[in-house]
């Protein structure tokens, strides 16, 4: 049974291994036969890369915090009461 537990990670390892093989296999091309990796470099400054990466990290951190907050809030609240729906003590028949 422990093998089944650890096998949960195998799809992630397979995806990453496949990506690495695909990327290594296409070198030195960005677009096979059309553009080499040396031609695919962007002429943007390091500060622009750092700023955009920092903005992305901050944005996703805010989303993560909101997600964790909501999960904890609704987990503590628990499920809605069955009394609200008239289900206490069995099925309620409507005629």
Protein backbone atom coordinates (compact mmCIF):
# COMPACT_ATOMS: atom_id res chain seq x y z
CA UNK A 1 0.00 0.00 0.00
CA UNK A 2 2.91 2.37 0.56
CA UNK A 3 3.79 1.97 -3.10
CA UNK A 4 0.36 3.33 -4.02
CA UNK A 5 0.88 6.27 -1.69
CA UNK A 6 4.18 7.23 -3.29
CA UNK A 7 2.90 6.63 -6.81
CA UNK A 8 0.87 9.85 -6.53
CA UNK A 9 4.07 11.72 -7.37
CA UNK A 10 4.78 9.74 -10.56
CA UNK A 11 2.60 11.81 -12.94
CA UNK A 12 4.39 15.00 -11.89
CA UNK A 13 7.79 13.39 -12.38
CA UNK A 14 6.74 12.07 -15.80
CA UNK A 15 5.50 15.49 -16.93
CA UNK A 16 8.70 17.21 -15.85
CA UNK A 17 10.92 14.53 -17.36
CA UNK A 18 9.01 14.73 -20.65
CA UNK A 19 9.34 18.50 -20.71
CA UNK A 20 13.09 18.34 -20.08
CA UNK A 21 13.61 15.74 -22.80
CA UNK A 22 11.52 17.76 -25.28
CA UNK A 23 13.40 20.99 -24.53
CA UNK A 24 16.84 19.37 -24.64
CA UNK A 25 15.96 17.54 -27.84
CA UNK A 26 15.04 20.65 -29.78
CA UNK A 27 18.29 22.51 -29.08
CA UNK A 28 19.63 24.68 -30.72
CA UNK A 29 16.20 25.60 -32.15
CA UNK A 30 13.35 27.66 -30.68
CA UNK A 31 11.24 26.92 -33.75
CA UNK A 32 12.73 23.91 -35.52
CA UNK A 33 14.40 24.94 -38.75
CA UNK A 34 13.35 28.60 -38.46
CA UNK A 35 14.82 30.28 -35.36
CA UNK A 36 17.82 29.33 -33.25
CA UNK A 37 17.92 30.00 -29.51
CA UNK A 38 20.59 32.67 -30.00
CA UNK A 39 18.10 34.60 -32.19
CA UNK A 40 15.25 34.27 -29.72
CA UNK A 41 16.69 36.48 -26.98
CA UNK A 42 14.52 39.43 -25.93
CA UNK A 43 16.15 42.88 -25.70
CA UNK A 44 14.52 43.83 -22.38
CA UNK A 45 16.35 45.08 -19.31
CA UNK A 46 16.91 42.97 -16.22
CA UNK A 47 14.88 45.46 -14.15
CA UNK A 48 11.82 44.81 -16.34
CA UNK A 49 12.14 41.07 -15.84
CA UNK A 50 12.55 41.48 -12.08
CA UNK A 51 9.58 43.87 -11.85
CA UNK A 52 7.23 41.61 -13.83
CA UNK A 53 8.31 38.52 -11.89
CA UNK A 54 7.87 40.33 -8.56
CA UNK A 55 4.41 41.57 -9.60
CA UNK A 56 3.41 38.03 -10.57
CA UNK A 57 4.69 36.57 -7.29
CA UNK A 58 2.89 39.24 -5.25
CA UNK A 59 -0.36 38.74 -7.16
CA UNK A 60 -0.33 34.96 -6.70
CA UNK A 61 0.66 35.34 -3.03
CA UNK A 62 -2.40 37.54 -2.45
CA UNK A 63 -4.57 34.94 -4.19
CA UNK A 64 -3.04 32.17 -2.07
CA UNK A 65 -3.68 34.09 1.15
CA UNK A 66 -7.30 34.77 0.14
CA UNK A 67 -7.77 31.10 -0.78
CA UNK A 68 -6.35 29.81 2.51
CA UNK A 69 -8.42 32.35 4.45
CA UNK A 70 -11.65 31.26 2.75
CA UNK A 71 -10.88 27.57 3.14
CA UNK A 72 -10.24 28.00 6.87
CA UNK A 73 -13.31 30.24 7.30
CA UNK A 74 -15.70 27.77 5.68
CA UNK A 75 -14.04 24.73 7.25
CA UNK A 76 -14.56 26.22 10.73
CA UNK A 77 -18.15 27.15 9.88
CA UNK A 78 -18.99 23.57 8.95
CA UNK A 79 -21.85 22.32 6.83
CA UNK A 80 -25.21 24.05 6.80
CA UNK A 81 -27.80 22.76 9.21
CA UNK A 82 -30.32 20.21 7.98
CA UNK A 83 -32.98 21.97 10.08
CA UNK A 84 -32.84 24.86 7.64
CA UNK A 85 -34.11 22.57 4.90
CA UNK A 86 -36.68 20.73 6.99
CA UNK A 87 -34.74 17.46 6.93
CA UNK A 88 -34.47 16.81 10.65
CA UNK A 89 -35.92 13.47 11.58
CA UNK A 90 -36.16 12.08 8.08
CA UNK A 91 -37.62 12.90 4.70
CA UNK A 92 -40.31 15.54 4.50
CA UNK A 93 -43.08 14.66 2.04
CA UNK A 94 -44.79 17.37 0.08
CA UNK A 95 -48.29 16.73 -1.20
